[in-house]
Amino acid sequence: MDERLAANRANWDERVPIHVASRFYDVDAWLRERPGPRDWETAIIGDVAGLDVAHLQCHFGLDTLALANAGALVTGLDFSGEAIAQARSLAERAGLSDRARFVEANVLDAAAALAPEQHDLVYVSLGALCWLPSVGQWAAQVAALLRPGGRVYLHDVHPLAWALADDEARVQHTWFEDGEPYVDDLDVTYTDGDARLTNTRTYEWNHSIGEIVTAVLGHGLRLDALIEHDWTVYPRFGWLVATDDGRWRIPADRPRMPLTFTLLATRQP
């Protein structure tokens, strides 16, 4: 594995127990409520019952299990062994081991790791592409994982929001995938809790909307929808306002800007 991705994996291995114990993910409430996909996901994807789904970069599996709750047969894939172990444990606790399985693998090797399976849906949720040096390599894996007529659903951070500093006062990171990663050394993660990380070094890459769309089209997929949103699911900036459905929005007295985006595409026959 690329040493930069290996450093990212060590960082994510260490995040797992912090995230599992956090109020942000609230695993106990999830197990009580057993939710399916979020309303804004269902509005784009539709009913997933009976679909074969691959969830790439699944972390410790809550979104994977939500798809299984809705009747899908789901394979979650992540490069963190700690995350996969927790995901398998949660699947057992939720009684979903017959509908959800988990595979430890680099997402850039996903097609080989899951071969010869092909899927009706590839699902990718927030905070995924920034950990990958090449969105073209990612799109190649997605295309290989889909059967003809299968779809990819991607909801991720908008490259504009990713490029801005946390105080939104200036552009801190490049907008484009230009080969050189943004290198960070933070000892905290995005969830609550007092724990500190020891594997602090991470490498991240921004990818413009144009690069992502070009990569998807270049690997035999048809673009069905591309939607920019003025909301996200965590307090990316301190001035965002929480909503009742778990999102964070730009307040009415501020100019709107894209915080996340959704892409839906279909593999051509």
Protein backbone atom coordinates (compact mmCIF):
# COMPACT_ATOMS: atom_id res chain seq x y z
CA MET A 1 0.00 0.00 0.00
CA ASP A 2 1.10 3.55 -0.75
CA GLU A 3 2.76 4.84 2.45
CA ARG A 4 0.38 7.79 2.52
CA LEU A 5 -2.66 5.50 2.44
CA ALA A 6 -1.00 3.31 5.07
CA ALA A 7 -0.66 6.37 7.33
CA ASN A 8 -4.33 7.18 6.73
CA ARG A 9 -5.27 3.61 7.63
CA ALA A 10 -3.34 3.79 10.92
CA ASN A 11 -5.15 7.02 11.73
CA TRP A 12 -8.57 5.51 10.94
CA ASP A 13 -7.80 2.34 12.92
CA GLU A 14 -7.27 4.58 15.93
CA ARG A 15 -10.43 6.59 15.29
CA VAL A 16 -12.71 3.55 15.34
CA PRO A 17 -13.13 3.02 19.11
CA ILE A 18 -13.51 6.79 19.60
CA HIS A 19 -16.26 6.94 17.01
CA VAL A 20 -18.05 3.83 18.26
CA ALA A 21 -18.21 5.36 21.76
CA SER A 22 -19.22 8.85 20.57
CA ARG A 23 -22.52 10.69 20.87
CA PHE A 24 -22.03 11.71 17.24
CA TYR A 25 -22.69 8.14 16.04
CA ASP A 26 -24.74 7.07 19.11
CA VAL A 27 -24.53 3.34 18.41
CA ASP A 28 -26.91 2.39 21.23
CA ALA A 29 -29.65 4.65 19.85
CA TRP A 30 -29.03 3.27 16.37
CA LEU A 31 -29.48 -0.28 17.62
CA ARG A 32 -32.74 0.70 19.36
CA GLU A 33 -34.20 2.60 16.43
CA ARG A 34 -32.86 0.44 13.56
CA PRO A 35 -33.15 3.17 10.88
CA GLY A 36 -33.03 2.64 7.16
CA PRO A 37 -31.44 5.03 4.66
CA ARG A 38 -31.94 8.73 5.27
CA ASP A 39 -34.89 10.45 3.61
CA TRP A 40 -32.67 12.44 1.24
CA GLU A 41 -30.93 9.23 0.17
CA THR A 42 -34.19 7.40 -0.51
CA ALA A 43 -35.41 10.38 -2.54
CA ILE A 44 -32.52 9.82 -4.96
CA ILE A 45 -31.92 6.05 -4.79
CA GLY A 46 -35.48 4.80 -4.27
CA ASP A 47 -36.37 1.47 -2.67
CA VAL A 48 -33.29 -0.71 -2.07
CA ALA A 49 -35.16 -3.88 -1.02
CA GLY A 50 -33.73 -6.88 -2.83
CA LEU A 51 -30.78 -4.99 -4.32
CA ASP A 52 -27.20 -6.22 -4.18
CA VAL A 53 -25.27 -3.25 -2.78
CA ALA A 54 -21.56 -2.55 -2.30
CA HIS A 55 -20.83 0.13 0.30
CA LEU A 56 -17.31 1.47 -0.27
CA GLN A 57 -15.31 3.01 2.60
CA CYS A 58 -17.99 1.85 5.00
CA HIS A 59 -16.13 2.71 8.25
CA PHE A 60 -17.71 0.63 11.05
CA GLY A 61 -20.84 -0.07 9.11
CA LEU A 62 -23.82 1.95 10.35
CA ASP A 63 -24.83 3.07 6.85
CA THR A 64 -24.20 -0.45 5.55
CA LEU A 65 -26.56 -1.85 8.17
CA ALA A 66 -29.14 0.86 7.44
CA LEU A 67 -29.27 -0.39 3.84
CA ALA A 68 -29.63 -3.95 5.14
CA ASN A 69 -32.46 -2.79 7.41
CA ALA A 70 -34.25 -1.60 4.29
CA GLY A 71 -34.01 -5.03 2.67
CA ALA A 72 -30.79 -4.81 0.64
CA LEU A 73 -28.07 -7.46 0.57
CA VAL A 74 -25.01 -5.38 1.37
CA THR A 75 -21.25 -5.82 1.35
CA GLY A 76 -19.35 -3.16 3.27
CA LEU A 77 -15.68 -2.63 2.38
CA ASP A 78 -13.08 -0.65 4.30
CA PHE A 79 -9.28 -0.64 4.61
CA SER A 80 -9.40 -0.44 8.42
CA GLY A 81 -9.27 -3.81 10.11
CA GLU A 82 -10.51 -2.22 13.34
CA ALA A 83 -13.53 -0.78 11.52
CA ILE A 84 -14.38 -4.09 9.87
CA ALA A 85 -14.17 -5.94 13.21
CA GLN A 86 -16.57 -3.44 14.79
CA ALA A 87 -18.90 -3.63 11.77
CA ARG A 88 -19.12 -7.41 12.01
CA SER A 89 -19.85 -7.16 15.73
CA LEU A 90 -22.62 -4.60 15.13
CA ALA A 91 -24.14 -6.77 12.41
CA GLU A 92 -24.33 -9.63 14.93
CA ARG A 93 -25.88 -7.39 17.58
CA ALA A 94 -28.43 -6.06 15.09
CA GLY A 95 -29.29 -9.53 13.78
CA LEU A 96 -28.25 -8.53 10.27
CA SER A 97 -25.35 -10.88 9.60
CA ASP A 98 -27.46 -12.69 7.00
CA ARG A 99 -27.94 -9.46 5.02
CA ALA A 100 -24.67 -7.60 5.62
CA ARG A 101 -21.11 -8.83 5.32
CA PHE A 102 -17.87 -6.90 5.64
CA VAL A 103 -14.58 -7.15 3.76
CA GLU A 104 -11.26 -5.57 4.72
CA ALA A 105 -9.64 -4.14 1.59
CA ASN A 106 -8.32 -0.96 0.02
CA VAL A 107 -11.12 0.69 -1.97
CA LEU A 108 -8.73 0.97 -4.94
CA ASP A 109 -8.63 -2.85 -4.95
CA ALA A 110 -12.38 -3.25 -4.38
CA ALA A 111 -13.24 -5.01 -7.64
CA ALA A 112 -10.60 -7.69 -7.05
CA ALA A 113 -11.54 -8.04 -3.38
CA LEU A 114 -15.21 -8.63 -4.21
CA ALA A 115 -14.73 -10.56 -7.47
CA PRO A 116 -16.63 -12.04 -9.21
CA GLU A 117 -19.58 -10.20 -7.67
CA GLN A 118 -21.33 -7.38 -9.48
CA HIS A 119 -23.89 -5.12 -7.88
CA ASP A 120 -27.09 -3.20 -8.51
CA LEU A 121 -25.85 -0.26 -6.46
CA VAL A 122 -22.53 1.11 -5.28
CA TYR A 123 -23.13 3.39 -2.28
CA VAL A 124 -20.55 5.97 -1.14
CA SER A 125 -21.28 8.27 1.78
CA LEU A 126 -19.83 11.50 3.13
CA GLY A 127 -16.08 11.98 3.56
CA ALA A 128 -14.84 9.33 1.13
CA LEU A 129 -13.10 10.72 -1.95
CA CYS A 130 -10.77 13.07 -0.07
CA TRP A 131 -8.77 10.05 1.16
CA LEU A 132 -7.95 8.90 -2.38
CA PRO A 133 -5.18 10.31 -4.57
CA SER A 134 -6.98 9.53 -7.85
CA VAL A 135 -10.69 9.84 -8.51
CA GLY A 136 -10.09 8.14 -11.87
CA GLN A 137 -8.85 4.98 -10.16
CA TRP A 138 -11.89 5.12 -7.88
CA ALA A 139 -14.29 5.44 -10.82
CA ALA A 140 -12.66 2.42 -12.49
CA GLN A 141 -13.37 0.34 -9.39
CA VAL A 142 -16.97 1.54 -9.24
CA ALA A 143 -17.58 0.67 -12.89
CA ALA A 144 -16.11 -2.82 -12.40
CA LEU A 145 -18.32 -3.43 -9.37
CA LEU A 146 -21.57 -2.57 -11.20
CA ARG A 147 -23.53 -4.87 -13.44
CA PRO A 148 -24.97 -3.26 -16.60
CA GLY A 149 -27.80 -0.97 -15.49
CA GLY A 150 -26.37 -0.75 -11.97
CA ARG A 151 -26.03 2.65 -10.33
CA VAL A 152 -23.54 4.51 -8.17
CA TYR A 153 -24.79 6.86 -5.46
CA LEU A 154 -22.19 9.31 -4.14
CA HIS A 155 -22.86 11.92 -1.49
CA ASP A 156 -19.71 13.77 -0.49
CA VAL A 157 -18.20 17.04 0.64
CA HIS A 158 -18.32 19.72 -2.03
CA PRO A 159 -14.81 20.70 -3.19
CA LEU A 160 -15.52 24.36 -2.41
CA ALA A 161 -16.35 23.61 1.22
CA TRP A 162 -13.35 21.27 1.42
CA ALA A 163 -11.00 23.97 0.09
CA LEU A 164 -12.00 26.58 2.69
CA ALA A 165 -10.30 26.96 6.05
CA ASP A 166 -12.39 26.05 9.08
CA ASP A 167 -13.12 29.72 9.74
CA GLU A 168 -14.25 30.12 6.08
CA ALA A 169 -12.17 33.29 5.84
CA ARG A 170 -9.81 32.04 3.14
CA VAL A 171 -9.09 29.27 0.69
CA GLN A 172 -6.66 26.98 2.50
CA HIS A 173 -6.52 23.92 0.22
CA THR A 174 -6.40 23.45 -3.53
CA TRP A 175 -9.68 22.93 -5.36
CA PHE A 176 -8.10 20.44 -7.75
CA GLU A 177 -6.59 16.97 -7.75
CA ASP A 178 -3.07 18.16 -8.56
CA GLY A 179 -1.01 15.26 -7.22
CA GLU A 180 0.16 16.79 -3.96
CA PRO A 181 -1.95 15.95 -0.90
CA TYR A 182 -2.91 18.18 1.96
CA VAL A 183 -0.88 16.92 4.92
CA ASP A 184 -2.37 17.26 8.39
CA ASP A 185 -1.27 16.38 11.91
CA LEU A 186 -4.34 16.58 14.14
CA ASP A 187 -4.64 14.57 17.35
CA VAL A 188 -8.45 14.84 17.38
CA THR A 189 -11.20 13.50 15.17
CA TYR A 190 -14.51 15.04 14.07
CA THR A 191 -16.63 13.35 16.76
CA ASP A 192 -17.01 14.21 20.44
CA GLY A 193 -14.90 12.67 23.21
CA ASP A 194 -11.66 13.48 24.99
CA ALA A 195 -9.48 10.77 23.45
CA ARG A 196 -6.40 11.87 21.53
CA LEU A 197 -4.87 10.19 18.50
CA THR A 198 -1.23 9.13 18.37
CA ASN A 199 -1.19 8.34 14.63
CA THR A 200 -1.82 11.94 13.69
CA ARG A 201 -0.40 12.21 10.17
CA THR A 202 -3.00 12.09 7.36
CA TYR A 203 -2.95 12.80 3.64
CA GLU A 204 -5.98 14.14 1.78
CA TRP A 205 -6.77 15.17 -1.79
CA ASN A 206 -9.49 17.49 -3.05
CA HIS A 207 -11.29 16.59 -6.28
CA SER A 208 -13.22 19.12 -8.31
CA ILE A 209 -16.74 18.40 -9.54
CA GLY A 210 -15.40 18.46 -13.10
CA GLU A 211 -12.77 15.83 -12.29
CA ILE A 212 -15.30 13.56 -10.61
CA VAL A 213 -17.85 13.81 -13.42
CA THR A 214 -15.17 13.31 -16.09
CA ALA A 215 -13.90 10.21 -14.28
CA VAL A 216 -17.39 8.73 -14.02
CA LEU A 217 -18.19 9.40 -17.69
CA GLY A 218 -14.80 8.08 -18.76
CA HIS A 219 -15.52 4.67 -17.25
CA GLY A 220 -18.75 3.93 -19.07
CA LEU A 221 -21.25 5.47 -16.68
CA ARG A 222 -24.15 7.74 -17.63
CA LEU A 223 -24.67 10.76 -15.39
CA ASP A 224 -28.27 10.80 -14.12
CA ALA A 225 -28.17 13.51 -11.46
CA LEU A 226 -25.72 16.01 -9.99
CA ILE A 227 -27.11 18.08 -7.12
CA GLU A 228 -25.29 20.64 -4.99
CA HIS A 229 -26.58 21.08 -1.43
CA ASP A 230 -26.40 23.98 1.02
CA TRP A 231 -26.31 21.48 3.92
CA THR A 232 -24.11 18.80 5.39
CA VAL A 233 -24.35 16.28 8.25
CA TYR A 234 -21.80 17.71 10.67
CA PRO A 235 -20.92 21.26 11.83
CA ARG A 236 -18.28 21.95 9.15
CA PHE A 237 -18.37 25.66 10.06
CA GLY A 238 -19.25 27.04 13.46
CA TRP A 239 -22.07 29.20 12.10
CA LEU A 240 -24.11 26.37 10.56
CA VAL A 241 -27.54 25.73 12.09
CA ALA A 242 -28.70 22.26 13.15
CA THR A 243 -32.02 20.99 11.79
CA ASP A 244 -34.42 18.43 13.22
CA ASP A 245 -33.47 15.79 10.65
CA GLY A 246 -29.78 15.65 11.58
CA ARG A 247 -28.46 18.08 8.98
CA TRP A 248 -26.52 21.34 9.34
CA ARG A 249 -27.64 24.20 7.10
CA ILE A 250 -26.54 27.70 6.20
CA PRO A 251 -28.65 30.20 8.16
CA ALA A 252 -31.12 32.37 6.25
CA ASP A 253 -29.14 35.59 6.82
CA ARG A 254 -26.01 34.29 5.06
CA PRO A 255 -25.37 33.77 1.33
CA ARG A 256 -25.88 30.18 0.25
CA MET A 257 -22.91 28.11 -0.90
CA PRO A 258 -22.52 24.40 -1.67
CA LEU A 259 -21.46 22.27 1.28
CA THR A 260 -22.07 18.79 -0.15
CA PHE A 261 -23.17 17.26 -3.44
CA THR A 262 -24.94 14.13 -4.64
CA LEU A 263 -24.06 12.29 -7.84
CA LEU A 264 -26.10 9.44 -9.33
CA ALA A 265 -24.84 7.56 -12.38
CA THR A 266 -25.72 4.33 -14.22
CA ARG A 267 -23.42 1.79 -15.87
CA GLN A 268 -24.23 1.54 -19.55
CA PRO A 269 -25.03 -1.90 -21.09
